[in-house]
C-alpha atoms as a PDB file:
ATOM      1  CA  MET A   1       0.110  -0.056   0.129  1.00  0.00           C
ATOM      2  CA  GLN A   2       1.681   2.761  -1.100  1.00  0.00           C
ATOM      3  CA  VAL A   3       0.862   6.668  -0.073  1.00  0.00           C
ATOM      4  CA  ALA A   4       2.352   9.626  -1.353  1.00  0.00           C
ATOM      5  CA  MET A   5       3.756  12.509   0.975  1.00  0.00           C
ATOM      6  CA  GLU A   6       6.338  15.363  -0.193  1.00  0.00           C
ATOM      7  CA  GLY A   7       7.039  13.875  -3.272  1.00  0.00           C
ATOM      8  CA  GLN A   8       8.320  10.831  -1.575  1.00  0.00           C
ATOM      9  CA  ASN A   9       6.807   7.151  -1.594  1.00  0.00           C
ATOM     10  CA  MET A  10       5.779   6.259   1.913  1.00  0.00           C
ATOM     11  CA  SER A  11       4.858   2.696   2.655  1.00  0.00           C
ATOM     12  CA  PHE A  12       2.264   1.260   5.414  1.00  0.00           C
ATOM     13  CA  PRO A  13       4.629  -1.055   7.029  1.00  0.00           C
ATOM     14  CA  SER A  14       4.033  -4.646   6.343  1.00  0.00           C
ATOM     15  CA  THR A  15       4.437  -5.462  10.278  1.00  0.00           C
ATOM     16  CA  PHE A  16       4.015  -3.484  13.496  1.00  0.00           C
ATOM     17  CA  VAL A  17       6.070  -3.686  16.730  1.00  0.00           C
ATOM     18  CA  LEU A  18       3.681  -4.218  19.915  1.00  0.00           C
ATOM     19  CA  VAL A  19       5.721  -2.705  22.590  1.00  0.00           C
ATOM     20  CA  GLY A  20       3.220  -4.087  25.262  1.00  0.00           C
ATOM     21  CA  PHE A  21       4.893  -5.055  28.569  1.00  0.00           C
ATOM     22  CA  SER A  22       8.553  -5.253  27.263  1.00  0.00           C
ATOM     23  CA  ASP A  23       9.564  -2.562  29.623  1.00  0.00           C
ATOM     24  CA  HIS A  24       9.197  -4.796  32.429  1.00  0.00           C
ATOM     25  CA  PRO A  25      10.773  -8.034  31.172  1.00  0.00           C
ATOM     26  CA  TRP A  26      10.524  -9.960  34.527  1.00  0.00           C
ATOM     27  CA  LEU A  27       6.405  -9.263  34.257  1.00  0.00           C
ATOM     28  CA  GLU A  28       6.227 -10.950  30.801  1.00  0.00           C
ATOM     29  CA  MET A  29       6.017 -14.898  32.055  1.00  0.00           C
ATOM     30  CA  PRO A  30       3.504 -13.945  35.016  1.00  0.00           C
ATOM     31  CA  LEU A  31       1.253 -11.931  32.989  1.00  0.00           C
ATOM     32  CA  PHE A  32       1.578 -14.916  30.382  1.00  0.00           C
ATOM     33  CA  GLY A  33       0.323 -17.414  33.045  1.00  0.00           C
ATOM     34  CA  VAL A  34      -2.548 -14.849  34.393  1.00  0.00           C
ATOM     35  CA  LEU A  35      -3.800 -14.205  30.594  1.00  0.00           C
ATOM     36  CA  LEU A  36      -3.911 -17.753  29.829  1.00  0.00           C
ATOM     37  CA  VAL A  37      -6.470 -18.684  32.747  1.00  0.00           C
ATOM     38  CA  SER A  38      -7.972 -15.813  32.299  1.00  0.00           C
ATOM     39  CA  TYR A  39      -8.633 -16.574  28.858  1.00  0.00           C
ATOM     40  CA  ILE A  40      -9.707 -20.058  29.363  1.00  0.00           C
ATOM     41  CA  PHE A  41     -12.210 -19.095  32.325  1.00  0.00           C
ATOM     42  CA  THR A  42     -13.567 -16.195  29.521  1.00  0.00           C
ATOM     43  CA  LEU A  43     -14.108 -18.729  27.106  1.00  0.00           C
ATOM     44  CA  ILE A  44     -15.750 -21.444  29.403  1.00  0.00           C
ATOM     45  CA  GLY A  45     -17.968 -18.653  31.229  1.00  0.00           C
ATOM     46  CA  ASN A  46     -19.348 -16.845  28.209  1.00  0.00           C
ATOM     47  CA  SER A  47     -20.116 -19.925  26.209  1.00  0.00           C
ATOM     48  CA  SER A  48     -21.299 -21.360  29.236  1.00  0.00           C
ATOM     49  CA  ILE A  49     -23.937 -18.465  29.443  1.00  0.00           C
ATOM     50  CA  VAL A  50     -24.737 -18.470  25.570  1.00  0.00           C
ATOM     51  CA  PHE A  51     -25.142 -22.124  26.110  1.00  0.00           C
ATOM     52  CA  LEU A  52     -27.742 -22.335  29.023  1.00  0.00           C
ATOM     53  CA  SER A  53     -29.990 -19.595  27.697  1.00  0.00           C
ATOM     54  CA  LEU A  54     -30.267 -21.919  24.908  1.00  0.00           C
ATOM     55  CA  VAL A  55     -31.351 -25.186  26.311  1.00  0.00           C
ATOM     56  CA  GLU A  56     -32.915 -23.725  29.573  1.00  0.00           C
ATOM     57  CA  PRO A  57     -36.341 -22.419  28.872  1.00  0.00           C
ATOM     58  CA  ARG A  58     -36.592 -20.093  32.072  1.00  0.00           C
ATOM     59  CA  LEU A  59     -33.368 -18.163  30.696  1.00  0.00           C
ATOM     60  CA  GLN A  60     -35.097 -17.117  26.908  1.00  0.00           C
ATOM     61  CA  THR A  61     -36.093 -13.865  28.917  1.00  0.00           C
ATOM     62  CA  PRO A  62     -35.364 -10.265  27.390  1.00  0.00           C
ATOM     63  CA  MET A  63     -32.185  -9.929  30.127  1.00  0.00           C
ATOM     64  CA  TYR A  64     -31.012 -12.984  29.181  1.00  0.00           C
ATOM     65  CA  PHE A  65     -31.028 -12.323  25.434  1.00  0.00           C
ATOM     66  CA  PHE A  66     -29.121  -9.163  26.026  1.00  0.00           C
ATOM     67  CA  LEU A  67     -26.799 -11.018  28.008  1.00  0.00           C
ATOM     68  CA  ASP A  68     -26.278 -13.709  25.475  1.00  0.00           C
ATOM     69  CA  ASN A  69     -24.976 -10.585  23.320  1.00  0.00           C
ATOM     70  CA  LEU A  70     -23.005  -9.180  25.765  1.00  0.00           C
ATOM     71  CA  SER A  71     -21.092 -12.772  25.658  1.00  0.00           C
ATOM     72  CA  VAL A  72     -21.007 -12.966  22.439  1.00  0.00           C
ATOM     73  CA  LEU A  73     -19.316  -9.540  22.341  1.00  0.00           C
ATOM     74  CA  ASP A  74     -16.604 -10.542  25.426  1.00  0.00           C
ATOM     75  CA  LEU A  75     -16.059 -13.496  23.305  1.00  0.00           C
ATOM     76  CA  CYS A  76     -15.221 -11.574  20.353  1.00  0.00           C
ATOM     77  CA  ALA A  77     -13.063  -9.061  22.277  1.00  0.00           C
ATOM     78  CA  THR A  78     -11.076 -11.518  23.817  1.00  0.00           C
ATOM     79  CA  CYS A  79     -10.111 -13.814  20.833  1.00  0.00           C
ATOM     80  CA  THR A  80      -9.594 -10.707  18.766  1.00  0.00           C
ATOM     81  CA  ILE A  81      -6.559  -9.502  21.254  1.00  0.00           C
ATOM     82  CA  VAL A  82      -5.525 -12.340  23.773  1.00  0.00           C
ATOM     83  CA  PRO A  83      -4.005 -14.837  21.297  1.00  0.00           C
ATOM     84  CA  GLN A  84      -1.626 -12.360  19.605  1.00  0.00           C
ATOM     85  CA  LEU A  85      -0.899 -11.088  23.381  1.00  0.00           C
ATOM     86  CA  LEU A  86       0.034 -14.644  24.488  1.00  0.00           C
ATOM     87  CA  VAL A  87       2.046 -14.991  21.531  1.00  0.00           C
ATOM     88  CA  ASN A  88       4.205 -11.826  22.095  1.00  0.00           C
ATOM     89  CA  LEU A  89       4.280 -12.265  25.712  1.00  0.00           C
ATOM     90  CA  TRP A  90       6.052 -15.752  25.321  1.00  0.00           C
ATOM     91  CA  GLY A  91       8.814 -15.299  22.775  1.00  0.00           C
ATOM     92  CA  PRO A  92      11.003 -12.350  21.855  1.00  0.00           C
ATOM     93  CA  GLU A  93       9.138 -11.355  19.028  1.00  0.00           C
ATOM     94  CA  LYS A  94       6.519  -8.690  19.089  1.00  0.00           C
ATOM     95  CA  THR A  95       5.075  -8.350  16.012  1.00  0.00           C
ATOM     96  CA  ILE A  96       1.982  -8.331  14.250  1.00  0.00           C
ATOM     97  CA  THR A  97       1.435  -8.253  10.564  1.00  0.00           C
ATOM     98  CA  SER A  98      -0.405  -5.345   9.014  1.00  0.00           C
ATOM     99  CA  TRP A  99      -3.431  -6.913   8.076  1.00  0.00           C
ATOM    100  CA  SER A 100      -3.750  -8.585  11.479  1.00  0.00           C
ATOM    101  CA  CYS A 101      -3.184  -5.597  13.241  1.00  0.00           C
ATOM    102  CA  MET A 102      -5.980  -3.861  11.002  1.00  0.00           C
ATOM    103  CA  ALA A 103      -8.101  -6.502  11.727  1.00  0.00           C
ATOM    104  CA  GLN A 104      -7.747  -5.931  15.474  1.00  0.00           C
ATOM    105  CA  ALA A 105      -8.418  -2.175  15.283  1.00  0.00           C
ATOM    106  CA  TYR A 106     -11.751  -2.790  12.923  1.00  0.00           C
ATOM    107  CA  LEU A 107     -12.918  -5.908  15.563  1.00  0.00           C
ATOM    108  CA  PHE A 108     -11.632  -4.302  18.831  1.00  0.00           C
ATOM    109  CA  HIS A 109     -13.725  -0.905  18.207  1.00  0.00           C
ATOM    110  CA  TRP A 110     -16.959  -2.597  16.800  1.00  0.00           C
ATOM    111  CA  THR A 111     -17.446  -4.731  19.689  1.00  0.00           C
ATOM    112  CA  SER A 112     -16.679  -1.815  22.274  1.00  0.00           C
ATOM    113  CA  CYS A 113     -18.720   0.482  20.933  1.00  0.00           C
ATOM    114  CA  THR A 114     -21.288  -2.304  20.622  1.00  0.00           C
ATOM    115  CA  GLU A 115     -21.032  -3.218  24.078  1.00  0.00           C
ATOM    116  CA  CYS A 116     -21.208   0.410  25.156  1.00  0.00           C
ATOM    117  CA  ALA A 117     -24.840   0.576  23.180  1.00  0.00           C
ATOM    118  CA  LEU A 118     -25.887  -2.814  24.895  1.00  0.00           C
ATOM    119  CA  LEU A 119     -25.056  -1.852  28.561  1.00  0.00           C
ATOM    120  CA  ALA A 120     -27.215   0.994  28.081  1.00  0.00           C
ATOM    121  CA  VAL A 121     -30.075  -1.168  26.681  1.00  0.00           C
ATOM    122  CA  MET A 122     -29.583  -3.450  29.332  1.00  0.00           C
ATOM    123  CA  ALA A 123     -29.837  -0.454  32.149  1.00  0.00           C
ATOM    124  CA  PHE A 124     -33.408   0.651  30.075  1.00  0.00           C
ATOM    125  CA  ASP A 125     -34.667  -3.083  30.304  1.00  0.00           C
ATOM    126  CA  ARG A 126     -33.753  -2.851  34.207  1.00  0.00           C
ATOM    127  CA  TYR A 127     -35.805   0.446  34.256  1.00  0.00           C
ATOM    128  CA  VAL A 128     -38.661  -1.206  32.605  1.00  0.00           C
ATOM    129  CA  ALA A 129     -38.862  -4.012  34.406  1.00  0.00           C
ATOM    130  CA  VAL A 130     -38.507  -2.133  37.999  1.00  0.00           C
ATOM    131  CA  CYS A 131     -40.434   1.088  37.133  1.00  0.00           C
ATOM    132  CA  CYS A 132     -42.896  -0.335  34.844  1.00  0.00           C
ATOM    133  CA  PRO A 133     -43.447  -3.925  35.337  1.00  0.00           C
ATOM    134  CA  LEU A 134     -47.072  -4.088  34.003  1.00  0.00           C
ATOM    135  CA  GLN A 135     -45.851  -2.699  30.644  1.00  0.00           C
ATOM    136  CA  TYR A 136     -42.762  -4.898  30.613  1.00  0.00           C
ATOM    137  CA  VAL A 137     -44.098  -7.797  28.199  1.00  0.00           C
ATOM    138  CA  LEU A 138     -45.569  -5.072  26.282  1.00  0.00           C
ATOM    139  CA  VAL A 139     -42.523  -3.091  25.527  1.00  0.00           C
ATOM    140  CA  MET A 140     -39.679  -5.597  25.959  1.00  0.00           C
ATOM    141  CA  HIS A 141     -41.474  -8.063  23.440  1.00  0.00           C
ATOM    142  CA  LEU A 142     -39.164 -10.337  21.239  1.00  0.00           C
ATOM    143  CA  TRP A 143     -39.021  -8.209  18.223  1.00  0.00           C
ATOM    144  CA  ALA A 144     -38.199  -5.263  20.302  1.00  0.00           C
ATOM    145  CA  CYS A 145     -35.260  -7.094  21.993  1.00  0.00           C
ATOM    146  CA  VAL A 146     -34.330  -8.353  18.566  1.00  0.00           C
ATOM    147  CA  TRP A 147     -34.554  -4.562  16.944  1.00  0.00           C
ATOM    148  CA  LEU A 148     -32.733  -3.174  20.026  1.00  0.00           C
ATOM    149  CA  ALA A 149     -29.857  -5.332  19.940  1.00  0.00           C
ATOM    150  CA  ALA A 150     -29.318  -4.890  15.795  1.00  0.00           C
ATOM    151  CA  VAL A 151     -29.342  -1.233  16.593  1.00  0.00           C
ATOM    152  CA  CYS A 152     -26.638  -1.982  18.884  1.00  0.00           C
ATOM    153  CA  TRP A 153     -24.184  -3.992  16.648  1.00  0.00           C
ATOM    154  CA  ALA A 154     -24.835  -1.761  13.669  1.00  0.00           C
ATOM    155  CA  SER A 155     -23.980   1.422  15.413  1.00  0.00           C
ATOM    156  CA  GLY A 156     -20.230  -0.107  16.771  1.00  0.00           C
ATOM    157  CA  LEU A 157     -19.972  -1.574  12.965  1.00  0.00           C
ATOM    158  CA  ALA A 158     -20.562   1.756  11.466  1.00  0.00           C
ATOM    159  CA  ASN A 159     -18.454   3.703  13.877  1.00  0.00           C
ATOM    160  CA  SER A 160     -15.566   0.946  13.768  1.00  0.00           C
ATOM    161  CA  LEU A 161     -15.920   1.548  10.053  1.00  0.00           C
ATOM    162  CA  VAL A 162     -15.641   5.204   9.985  1.00  0.00           C
ATOM    163  CA  GLN A 163     -12.663   5.305  12.233  1.00  0.00           C
ATOM    164  CA  ALA A 164     -10.466   2.209  11.489  1.00  0.00           C
ATOM    165  CA  THR A 165     -10.829   3.263   7.651  1.00  0.00           C
ATOM    166  CA  LEU A 166      -9.814   6.996   8.421  1.00  0.00           C
ATOM    167  CA  THR A 167      -6.755   5.542  10.443  1.00  0.00           C
ATOM    168  CA  LEU A 168      -6.176   2.892   7.151  1.00  0.00           C
ATOM    169  CA  TYR A 169      -5.772   5.608   4.964  1.00  0.00           C
ATOM    170  CA  LEU A 170      -3.104   7.702   7.324  1.00  0.00           C
ATOM    171  CA  THR A 171       0.296   8.531   6.134  1.00  0.00           C
ATOM    172  CA  LEU A 172       2.626   6.952   8.772  1.00  0.00           C
ATOM    173  CA  CYS A 173       5.845   7.452   7.341  1.00  0.00           C
ATOM    174  CA  ALA A 174       6.770   3.493   7.929  1.00  0.00           C
ATOM    175  CA  LYS A 175       6.655   3.853  11.426  1.00  0.00           C
ATOM    176  CA  ASN A 176       5.802   0.694  12.825  1.00  0.00           C
ATOM    177  CA  THR A 177       6.367   0.400  16.974  1.00  0.00           C
ATOM    178  CA  LEU A 178       3.209   0.687  18.639  1.00  0.00           C
ATOM    179  CA  ASP A 179       3.316   1.595  22.709  1.00  0.00           C
ATOM    180  CA  HIS A 180       0.614  -0.472  23.149  1.00  0.00           C
ATOM    181  CA  PHE A 181      -0.310  -4.448  23.375  1.00  0.00           C
ATOM    182  CA  PHE A 182      -2.442  -4.551  20.830  1.00  0.00           C
ATOM    183  CA  CYS A 183      -3.757  -2.102  17.423  1.00  0.00           C
ATOM    184  CA  GLU A 184      -6.029   0.154  18.667  1.00  0.00           C
ATOM    185  CA  VAL A 185      -7.297   3.335  16.743  1.00  0.00           C
ATOM    186  CA  PRO A 186      -5.586   5.971  18.825  1.00  0.00           C
ATOM    187  CA  ALA A 187      -2.416   4.544  19.147  1.00  0.00           C
ATOM    188  CA  LEU A 188      -2.183   3.856  15.380  1.00  0.00           C
ATOM    189  CA  ILE A 189      -2.899   7.636  15.082  1.00  0.00           C
ATOM    190  CA  LYS A 190       0.100   8.487  16.980  1.00  0.00           C
ATOM    191  CA  LEU A 191       2.398   7.174  14.460  1.00  0.00           C
ATOM    192  CA  ALA A 192       1.008   9.481  11.635  1.00  0.00           C
ATOM    193  CA  CYS A 193       3.524  11.980  10.398  1.00  0.00           C
ATOM    194  CA  GLY A 194       0.508  13.712   8.516  1.00  0.00           C
ATOM    195  CA  ASP A 195      -2.590  15.699   9.436  1.00  0.00           C
ATOM    196  CA  THR A 196      -4.824  13.936  11.780  1.00  0.00           C
ATOM    197  CA  THR A 197      -7.170  16.454  12.372  1.00  0.00           C
ATOM    198  CA  ALA A 198     -10.036  14.413  10.670  1.00  0.00           C
ATOM    199  CA  ASN A 199      -9.084  11.359  12.889  1.00  0.00           C
ATOM    200  CA  ASP A 200      -9.266  12.868  16.274  1.00  0.00           C
ATOM    201  CA  LEU A 201     -12.639  15.257  14.943  1.00  0.00           C
ATOM    202  CA  SER A 202     -14.153  11.772  14.142  1.00  0.00           C
ATOM    203  CA  LEU A 203     -12.971  10.125  17.518  1.00  0.00           C
ATOM    204  CA  CYS A 204     -14.486  12.576  19.231  1.00  0.00           C
ATOM    205  CA  LEU A 205     -17.730  12.654  17.469  1.00  0.00           C
ATOM    206  CA  GLY A 206     -17.923   8.950  18.051  1.00  0.00           C
ATOM    207  CA  ALA A 207     -16.874   9.087  21.503  1.00  0.00           C
ATOM    208  CA  ILE A 208     -20.308  11.268  22.156  1.00  0.00           C
ATOM    209  CA  PRO A 209     -23.162   8.426  21.074  1.00  0.00           C
ATOM    210  CA  PHE A 210     -20.930   5.597  22.940  1.00  0.00           C
ATOM    211  CA  GLY A 211     -19.050   7.348  25.595  1.00  0.00           C
ATOM    212  CA  VAL A 212     -21.230   9.843  26.834  1.00  0.00           C
ATOM    213  CA  VAL A 213     -25.013   8.866  25.903  1.00  0.00           C
ATOM    214  CA  SER A 214     -24.328   5.460  26.778  1.00  0.00           C
ATOM    215  CA  PRO A 215     -23.353   5.699  30.460  1.00  0.00           C
ATOM    216  CA  LEU A 216     -25.528   8.830  30.682  1.00  0.00           C
ATOM    217  CA  THR A 217     -28.440   6.229  29.851  1.00  0.00           C
ATOM    218  CA  VAL A 218     -27.207   3.828  32.377  1.00  0.00           C
ATOM    219  CA  LEU A 219     -26.899   6.815  34.734  1.00  0.00           C
ATOM    220  CA  ILE A 220     -30.487   8.332  34.260  1.00  0.00           C
ATOM    221  CA  SER A 221     -32.093   4.569  34.332  1.00  0.00           C
ATOM    222  CA  TYR A 222     -30.702   3.705  37.482  1.00  0.00           C
ATOM    223  CA  THR A 223     -31.498   7.194  38.949  1.00  0.00           C
ATOM    224  CA  PHE A 224     -34.895   6.309  38.284  1.00  0.00           C
ATOM    225  CA  ILE A 225     -34.626   2.392  39.255  1.00  0.00           C
ATOM    226  CA  ALA A 226     -33.326   3.691  42.964  1.00  0.00           C
ATOM    227  CA  ARG A 227     -36.275   6.186  43.291  1.00  0.00           C
ATOM    228  CA  ALA A 228     -38.882   3.451  42.712  1.00  0.00           C
ATOM    229  CA  VAL A 229     -36.864   0.901  44.415  1.00  0.00           C
ATOM    230  CA  LEU A 230     -36.912   3.118  47.551  1.00  0.00           C
ATOM    231  CA  LYS A 231     -40.586   3.736  47.591  1.00  0.00           C
ATOM    232  CA  LEU A 232     -41.102  -0.014  48.131  1.00  0.00           C
ATOM    233  CA  PRO A 233     -42.579  -0.442  51.620  1.00  0.00           C
ATOM    234  CA  SER A 234     -41.431  -3.995  51.972  1.00  0.00           C
ATOM    235  CA  ALA A 235     -37.683  -4.568  52.874  1.00  0.00           C
ATOM    236  CA  GLU A 236     -37.641  -7.834  50.756  1.00  0.00           C
ATOM    237  CA  GLY A 237     -39.267  -6.032  47.712  1.00  0.00           C
ATOM    238  CA  ARG A 238     -36.382  -3.499  48.100  1.00  0.00           C
ATOM    239  CA  ARG A 239     -33.859  -6.003  48.683  1.00  0.00           C
ATOM    240  CA  LYS A 240     -35.028  -8.167  45.700  1.00  0.00           C
ATOM    241  CA  ALA A 241     -34.907  -5.143  43.126  1.00  0.00           C
ATOM    242  CA  PHE A 242     -31.760  -4.028  43.793  1.00  0.00           C
ATOM    243  CA  GLY A 243     -30.459  -7.770  43.728  1.00  0.00           C
ATOM    244  CA  THR A 244     -32.049  -7.801  40.207  1.00  0.00           C
ATOM    245  CA  CYS A 245     -30.313  -4.414  39.300  1.00  0.00           C
ATOM    246  CA  SER A 246     -26.468  -5.038  41.124  1.00  0.00           C
ATOM    247  CA  SER A 247     -25.289  -7.655  38.485  1.00  0.00           C
ATOM    248  CA  HIS A 248     -25.738  -5.260  35.654  1.00  0.00           C
ATOM    249  CA  LEU A 249     -24.395  -2.193  37.638  1.00  0.00           C
ATOM    250  CA  LEU A 250     -21.315  -3.871  38.670  1.00  0.00           C
ATOM    251  CA  VAL A 251     -20.274  -4.997  35.009  1.00  0.00           C
ATOM    252  CA  VAL A 252     -21.208  -1.383  33.790  1.00  0.00           C
ATOM    253  CA  THR A 253     -19.021  -0.246  36.778  1.00  0.00           C
ATOM    254  CA  MET A 254     -16.013  -2.384  35.796  1.00  0.00           C
ATOM    255  CA  PHE A 255     -16.337  -1.330  31.919  1.00  0.00           C
ATOM    256  CA  PHE A 256     -16.993   2.369  31.886  1.00  0.00           C
ATOM    257  CA  GLY A 257     -14.609   3.068  34.885  1.00  0.00           C
ATOM    258  CA  PRO A 258     -11.172   1.700  33.534  1.00  0.00           C
ATOM    259  CA  GLY A 259     -12.293   2.579  30.073  1.00  0.00           C
ATOM    260  CA  MET A 260     -13.104   6.353  30.598  1.00  0.00           C
ATOM    261  CA  TYR A 261     -10.233   6.829  32.854  1.00  0.00           C
ATOM    262  CA  THR A 262      -7.777   5.642  30.063  1.00  0.00           C
ATOM    263  CA  TYR A 263      -9.164   7.767  27.539  1.00  0.00           C
ATOM    264  CA  LEU A 264      -9.805  10.870  29.351  1.00  0.00           C
ATOM    265  CA  GLN A 265      -6.670  11.063  31.551  1.00  0.00           C
ATOM    266  CA  PRO A 266      -3.618  13.347  29.517  1.00  0.00           C
ATOM    267  CA  PRO A 267      -1.289  11.458  27.776  1.00  0.00           C
ATOM    268  CA  GLY A 268       1.971  10.782  29.059  1.00  0.00           C
ATOM    269  CA  ASN A 269       1.680   7.749  31.796  1.00  0.00           C
ATOM    270  CA  ASN A 270       1.364   4.929  28.883  1.00  0.00           C
ATOM    271  CA  THR A 271       2.267   2.254  31.261  1.00  0.00           C
ATOM    272  CA  GLN A 272      -0.857   2.699  33.652  1.00  0.00           C
ATOM    273  CA  SER A 273      -2.741   3.177  30.424  1.00  0.00           C
ATOM    274  CA  ARG A 274      -1.470  -0.370  29.272  1.00  0.00           C
ATOM    275  CA  PHE A 275      -2.553  -2.199  32.405  1.00  0.00           C
ATOM    276  CA  LEU A 276      -5.744  -0.183  32.849  1.00  0.00           C
ATOM    277  CA  SER A 277      -6.740  -1.600  29.555  1.00  0.00           C
ATOM    278  CA  PHE A 278      -5.051  -4.992  29.847  1.00  0.00           C
ATOM    279  CA  PHE A 279      -7.890  -4.982  32.636  1.00  0.00           C
ATOM    280  CA  TYR A 280     -10.848  -3.936  31.122  1.00  0.00           C
ATOM    281  CA  CYS A 281      -9.926  -5.720  27.821  1.00  0.00           C
ATOM    282  CA  VAL A 282      -8.996  -9.256  29.625  1.00  0.00           C
ATOM    283  CA  PHE A 283     -10.131  -9.299  33.069  1.00  0.00           C
ATOM    284  CA  THR A 284     -13.638  -7.539  32.400  1.00  0.00           C
ATOM    285  CA  PRO A 285     -14.879 -10.233  29.942  1.00  0.00           C
ATOM    286  CA  MET A 286     -14.172 -12.997  32.289  1.00  0.00           C
ATOM    287  CA  LEU A 287     -15.755 -11.635  35.314  1.00  0.00           C
ATOM    288  CA  ASN A 288     -18.703 -10.817  33.539  1.00  0.00           C
ATOM    289  CA  PRO A 289     -20.278 -14.533  33.680  1.00  0.00           C
ATOM    290  CA  LEU A 290     -18.851 -15.180  36.851  1.00  0.00           C
ATOM    291  CA  ILE A 291     -20.724 -11.902  38.360  1.00  0.00           C
ATOM    292  CA  TYR A 292     -24.370 -13.059  36.528  1.00  0.00           C
ATOM    293  CA  THR A 293     -23.965 -16.651  37.484  1.00  0.00           C
ATOM    294  CA  LEU A 294     -22.950 -16.042  41.213  1.00  0.00           C
ATOM    295  CA  ARG A 295     -25.961 -13.908  42.046  1.00  0.00           C
ATOM    296  CA  ASN A 296     -28.749 -15.311  40.049  1.00  0.00           C
ATOM    297  CA  LYS A 297     -30.627 -17.864  41.171  1.00  0.00           C
ATOM    298  CA  ASP A 298     -31.951 -18.880  37.655  1.00  0.00           C
ATOM    299  CA  VAL A 299     -28.376 -19.678  36.235  1.00  0.00           C
ATOM    300  CA  LYS A 300     -27.619 -21.634  39.491  1.00  0.00           C
ATOM    301  CA  GLU A 301     -31.083 -23.713  38.987  1.00  0.00           C
ATOM    302  CA  ALA A 302     -30.069 -24.142  35.411  1.00  0.00           C
ATOM    303  CA  TRP A 303     -27.025 -25.628  36.164  1.00  0.00           C
ATOM    304  CA  ARG A 304     -28.637 -28.112  38.897  1.00  0.00           C
ATOM    305  CA  LYS A 305     -30.687 -29.473  36.181  1.00  0.00           C
ATOM    306  CA  ILE A 306     -28.500 -30.019  33.521  1.00  0.00           C
ATOM    307  CA  LEU A 307     -25.745 -31.357  35.848  1.00  0.00           C
ATOM    308  CA  SER A 308     -28.507 -33.415  37.514  1.00  0.00           C
ATOM    309  CA  SER A 309     -29.769 -34.620  34.347  1.00  0.00           C
ATOM    310  CA  LEU A 310     -26.081 -35.580  33.098  1.00  0.00           C
ATOM    311  CA  GLY A 311     -25.759 -37.543  36.444  1.00  0.00           C
ATOM    312  CA  LYS A 312     -29.030 -39.504  35.974  1.00  0.00           C
ATOM    313  CA  GLY A 313     -27.605 -40.155  32.342  1.00  0.00           C
ATOM    314  CA  LYS A 314     -24.241 -41.718  33.258  1.00  0.00           C
ATOM    315  CA  SER A 315     -26.199 -43.709  35.980  1.00  0.00           C
ATOM    316  CA  LEU A 316     -28.518 -45.232  33.676  1.00  0.00           C
ATOM    317  CA  LYS A 317     -25.732 -46.141  31.391  1.00  0.00           C
ATOM    318  CA  THR A 318     -24.228 -48.292  34.265  1.00  0.00           C
ATOM    319  CA  ARG A 319     -27.084 -49.851  35.249  1.00  0.00           C
ATOM    320  CA  CYS A 320     -27.373 -51.119  31.735  1.00  0.00           C
END
């Protein structure tokens, strides 16, 4: 891919060097072990949520439909970043091909934006369930849920296509060292030696619906939820209502908190930014299914039902 600038032919690098955590070499092997374990748990945890909601009729509700979408997003984001990161932590080579790098940029931006929108939709779902329980079935019917999920995925894809495509056409002047552990759009923009005004403006405009409107929707939804719950006459009713929403609120905090801190802080502390990115890219997808399953009676009951049926099947085979 050739790009002309000031009469010279500048080429888009065929490979990129991911600095990652190489400035702390003693950390690479421990991080590799932690990352491998968390990757396995992420795959098992999120896949199990999707599987449970497919086979258990009691989990085929709007809340679990959106939770399925969240699990698929976490799986996509994890599988986009972690395998390459494991390779880079294990060996001396810290490189990634240019097309793999751009694929990471596209997919991570897509899944991140979609997850921002989806968490806002899930907060709206909880608002309707708590504040308008009699209208819940009418408002959150099947096609409404499908439409809302489709809007989340489509809006994330549209923003990703705009941001990553603009980045693809930047003049990098053969610079190929990324001060990050994966290919992210802002990190790639820092390599540009040309005018990045359009890219910066596009990132700011794209951040409005996903980085401002989505958290604001969550905040407004939970403000109304808190007001409605506090008006409930019984302590048991309040406890049950807060318990219904606490898992989602914890997931929202873990996703938006480190992410917003990373992107809103002034540039300079790259090491701190990398570790915060490591948290919300690696640990948040692993913790999401644990939070929902450990605090949810329906999921626990579904697991007991499946495990008991498997146990009965084994005992029948042994008798035969």
